[in-house]
Amino acid sequence: MAFKKHLEDYRFNLNRNRSWKYTAMLIFFFIGFLSLLTSKFYLKTEDPLYHTNTYEAVSSNIAGTVTIENRVYHPANGSLDMVIKMD
């Protein structure tokens, strides 16, 4: 009888202070999610922009010489049309 009473007290006793594990895990995930959302403010994500001038030949080991003859940028859909000549 005492064992059963002890088991019931163990099940429903909320004063054991074991919820700190779940709170710490929740805080860890919250800080991780918050740092993911705000990473643009403290990390430099801008890559330098490299471009090739029009009608300038660029040598390549695989394709030989590549020349960009024309390029048109469409800002509405963010696409770029290029005419490339390969020798």
C-alpha atoms as a PDB file:
ATOM      1  CA  MET A   1       0.000   0.000   0.000  1.00  0.00           C
ATOM      2  CA  ALA A   2       2.801   2.419   0.790  1.00  0.00           C
ATOM      3  CA  PHE A   3       4.489   1.512  -2.504  1.00  0.00           C
ATOM      4  CA  LYS A   4       1.359   2.395  -4.476  1.00  0.00           C
ATOM      5  CA  LYS A   5       1.041   5.728  -2.656  1.00  0.00           C
ATOM      6  CA  HIS A   6       4.726   6.452  -3.319  1.00  0.00           C
ATOM      7  CA  LEU A   7       4.275   5.622  -7.056  1.00  0.00           C
ATOM      8  CA  GLU A   8       1.255   7.942  -7.367  1.00  0.00           C
ATOM      9  CA  ASP A   9       3.137  10.740  -5.643  1.00  0.00           C
ATOM     10  CA  TYR A  10       6.070  10.202  -8.027  1.00  0.00           C
ATOM     11  CA  ARG A  11       3.864  10.387 -11.109  1.00  0.00           C
ATOM     12  CA  PHE A  12       1.983  13.550 -10.237  1.00  0.00           C
ATOM     13  CA  ASN A  13       4.606  15.490  -8.320  1.00  0.00           C
ATOM     14  CA  LEU A  14       5.414  18.570 -10.394  1.00  0.00           C
ATOM     15  CA  ASN A  15       7.923  19.993  -7.923  1.00  0.00           C
ATOM     16  CA  ARG A  16      10.873  17.883  -9.076  1.00  0.00           C
ATOM     17  CA  ASN A  17      12.384  20.669 -11.241  1.00  0.00           C
ATOM     18  CA  ARG A  18      12.958  18.541 -14.334  1.00  0.00           C
ATOM     19  CA  SER A  19      11.395  20.950 -16.832  1.00  0.00           C
ATOM     20  CA  TRP A  20      14.637  22.961 -17.107  1.00  0.00           C
ATOM     21  CA  LYS A  21      15.867  20.476 -19.728  1.00  0.00           C
ATOM     22  CA  TYR A  22      12.933  21.210 -22.003  1.00  0.00           C
ATOM     23  CA  THR A  23      13.203  24.939 -21.380  1.00  0.00           C
ATOM     24  CA  ALA A  24      16.916  24.895 -22.237  1.00  0.00           C
ATOM     25  CA  MET A  25      16.209  22.925 -25.423  1.00  0.00           C
ATOM     26  CA  LEU A  26      13.459  25.371 -26.416  1.00  0.00           C
ATOM     27  CA  ILE A  27      15.746  28.361 -25.796  1.00  0.00           C
ATOM     28  CA  PHE A  28      18.527  26.694 -27.829  1.00  0.00           C
ATOM     29  CA  PHE A  29      16.221  26.175 -30.831  1.00  0.00           C
ATOM     30  CA  PHE A  30      14.806  29.701 -30.501  1.00  0.00           C
ATOM     31  CA  ILE A  31      18.276  31.289 -30.461  1.00  0.00           C
ATOM     32  CA  GLY A  32      19.345  29.141 -33.440  1.00  0.00           C
ATOM     33  CA  PHE A  33      16.266  30.100 -35.449  1.00  0.00           C
ATOM     34  CA  LEU A  34      16.684  33.765 -34.536  1.00  0.00           C
ATOM     35  CA  SER A  35      20.355  33.742 -35.540  1.00  0.00           C
ATOM     36  CA  LEU A  36      19.437  32.107 -38.854  1.00  0.00           C
ATOM     37  CA  LEU A  37      16.902  34.838 -39.596  1.00  0.00           C
ATOM     38  CA  THR A  38      19.248  37.688 -38.668  1.00  0.00           C
ATOM     39  CA  SER A  39      22.494  36.329 -40.127  1.00  0.00           C
ATOM     40  CA  LYS A  40      22.475  38.824 -42.992  1.00  0.00           C
ATOM     41  CA  PHE A  41      23.111  41.668 -40.537  1.00  0.00           C
ATOM     42  CA  TYR A  42      26.316  40.267 -39.014  1.00  0.00           C
ATOM     43  CA  LEU A  43      27.730  38.044 -41.787  1.00  0.00           C
ATOM     44  CA  LYS A  44      29.039  39.390 -45.074  1.00  0.00           C
ATOM     45  CA  THR A  45      27.180  37.490 -47.787  1.00  0.00           C
ATOM     46  CA  GLU A  46      27.935  39.761 -50.734  1.00  0.00           C
ATOM     47  CA  ASP A  47      30.142  38.047 -53.292  1.00  0.00           C
ATOM     48  CA  PRO A  48      32.273  40.214 -55.551  1.00  0.00           C
ATOM     49  CA  LEU A  49      30.833  40.616 -59.025  1.00  0.00           C
ATOM     50  CA  TYR A  50      33.111  39.518 -61.827  1.00  0.00           C
ATOM     51  CA  HIS A  51      32.165  40.431 -65.368  1.00  0.00           C
ATOM     52  CA  THR A  52      33.608  40.143 -68.841  1.00  0.00           C
ATOM     53  CA  ASN A  53      33.423  43.024 -71.280  1.00  0.00           C
ATOM     54  CA  THR A  54      31.537  42.611 -74.538  1.00  0.00           C
ATOM     55  CA  TYR A  55      33.678  41.518 -77.507  1.00  0.00           C
ATOM     56  CA  GLU A  56      36.601  40.604 -75.250  1.00  0.00           C
ATOM     57  CA  ALA A  57      38.049  37.163 -75.919  1.00  0.00           C
ATOM     58  CA  VAL A  58      38.573  34.946 -72.873  1.00  0.00           C
ATOM     59  CA  SER A  59      40.698  31.823 -73.245  1.00  0.00           C
ATOM     60  CA  SER A  60      39.477  28.594 -71.702  1.00  0.00           C
ATOM     61  CA  ASN A  61      41.231  25.228 -71.361  1.00  0.00           C
ATOM     62  CA  ILE A  62      38.135  23.288 -72.347  1.00  0.00           C
ATOM     63  CA  ALA A  63      36.328  25.448 -74.922  1.00  0.00           C
ATOM     64  CA  GLY A  64      39.188  27.380 -76.502  1.00  0.00           C
ATOM     65  CA  THR A  65      38.327  31.079 -76.854  1.00  0.00           C
ATOM     66  CA  VAL A  66      34.972  32.432 -75.668  1.00  0.00           C
ATOM     67  CA  THR A  67      33.638  35.861 -76.684  1.00  0.00           C
ATOM     68  CA  ILE A  68      30.462  37.494 -75.404  1.00  0.00           C
ATOM     69  CA  GLU A  69      28.900  39.249 -78.386  1.00  0.00           C
ATOM     70  CA  ASN A  70      25.694  40.607 -76.840  1.00  0.00           C
ATOM     71  CA  ARG A  71      23.915  40.567 -73.497  1.00  0.00           C
ATOM     72  CA  VAL A  72      20.487  41.851 -72.479  1.00  0.00           C
ATOM     73  CA  TYR A  73      19.187  41.917 -68.901  1.00  0.00           C
ATOM     74  CA  HIS A  74      15.436  41.703 -68.245  1.00  0.00           C
ATOM     75  CA  PRO A  75      14.786  43.165 -64.767  1.00  0.00           C
ATOM     76  CA  ALA A  76      11.119  42.168 -64.739  1.00  0.00           C
ATOM     77  CA  ASN A  77      11.871  38.446 -64.496  1.00  0.00           C
ATOM     78  CA  GLY A  78      15.553  38.651 -63.511  1.00  0.00           C
ATOM     79  CA  SER A  79      16.877  36.862 -66.597  1.00  0.00           C
ATOM     80  CA  LEU A  80      19.917  37.542 -68.730  1.00  0.00           C
ATOM     81  CA  ASP A  81      20.128  36.714 -72.433  1.00  0.00           C
ATOM     82  CA  MET A  82      23.636  36.318 -73.866  1.00  0.00           C
ATOM     83  CA  VAL A  83      25.055  35.607 -77.314  1.00  0.00           C
ATOM     84  CA  ILE A  84      28.320  33.702 -76.899  1.00  0.00           C
ATOM     85  CA  LYS A  85      30.796  32.886 -79.669  1.00  0.00           C
ATOM     86  CA  MET A  86      33.156  29.963 -79.087  1.00  0.00           C
ATOM     87  CA  ASP A  87      36.275  29.409 -81.201  1.00  0.00           C
END
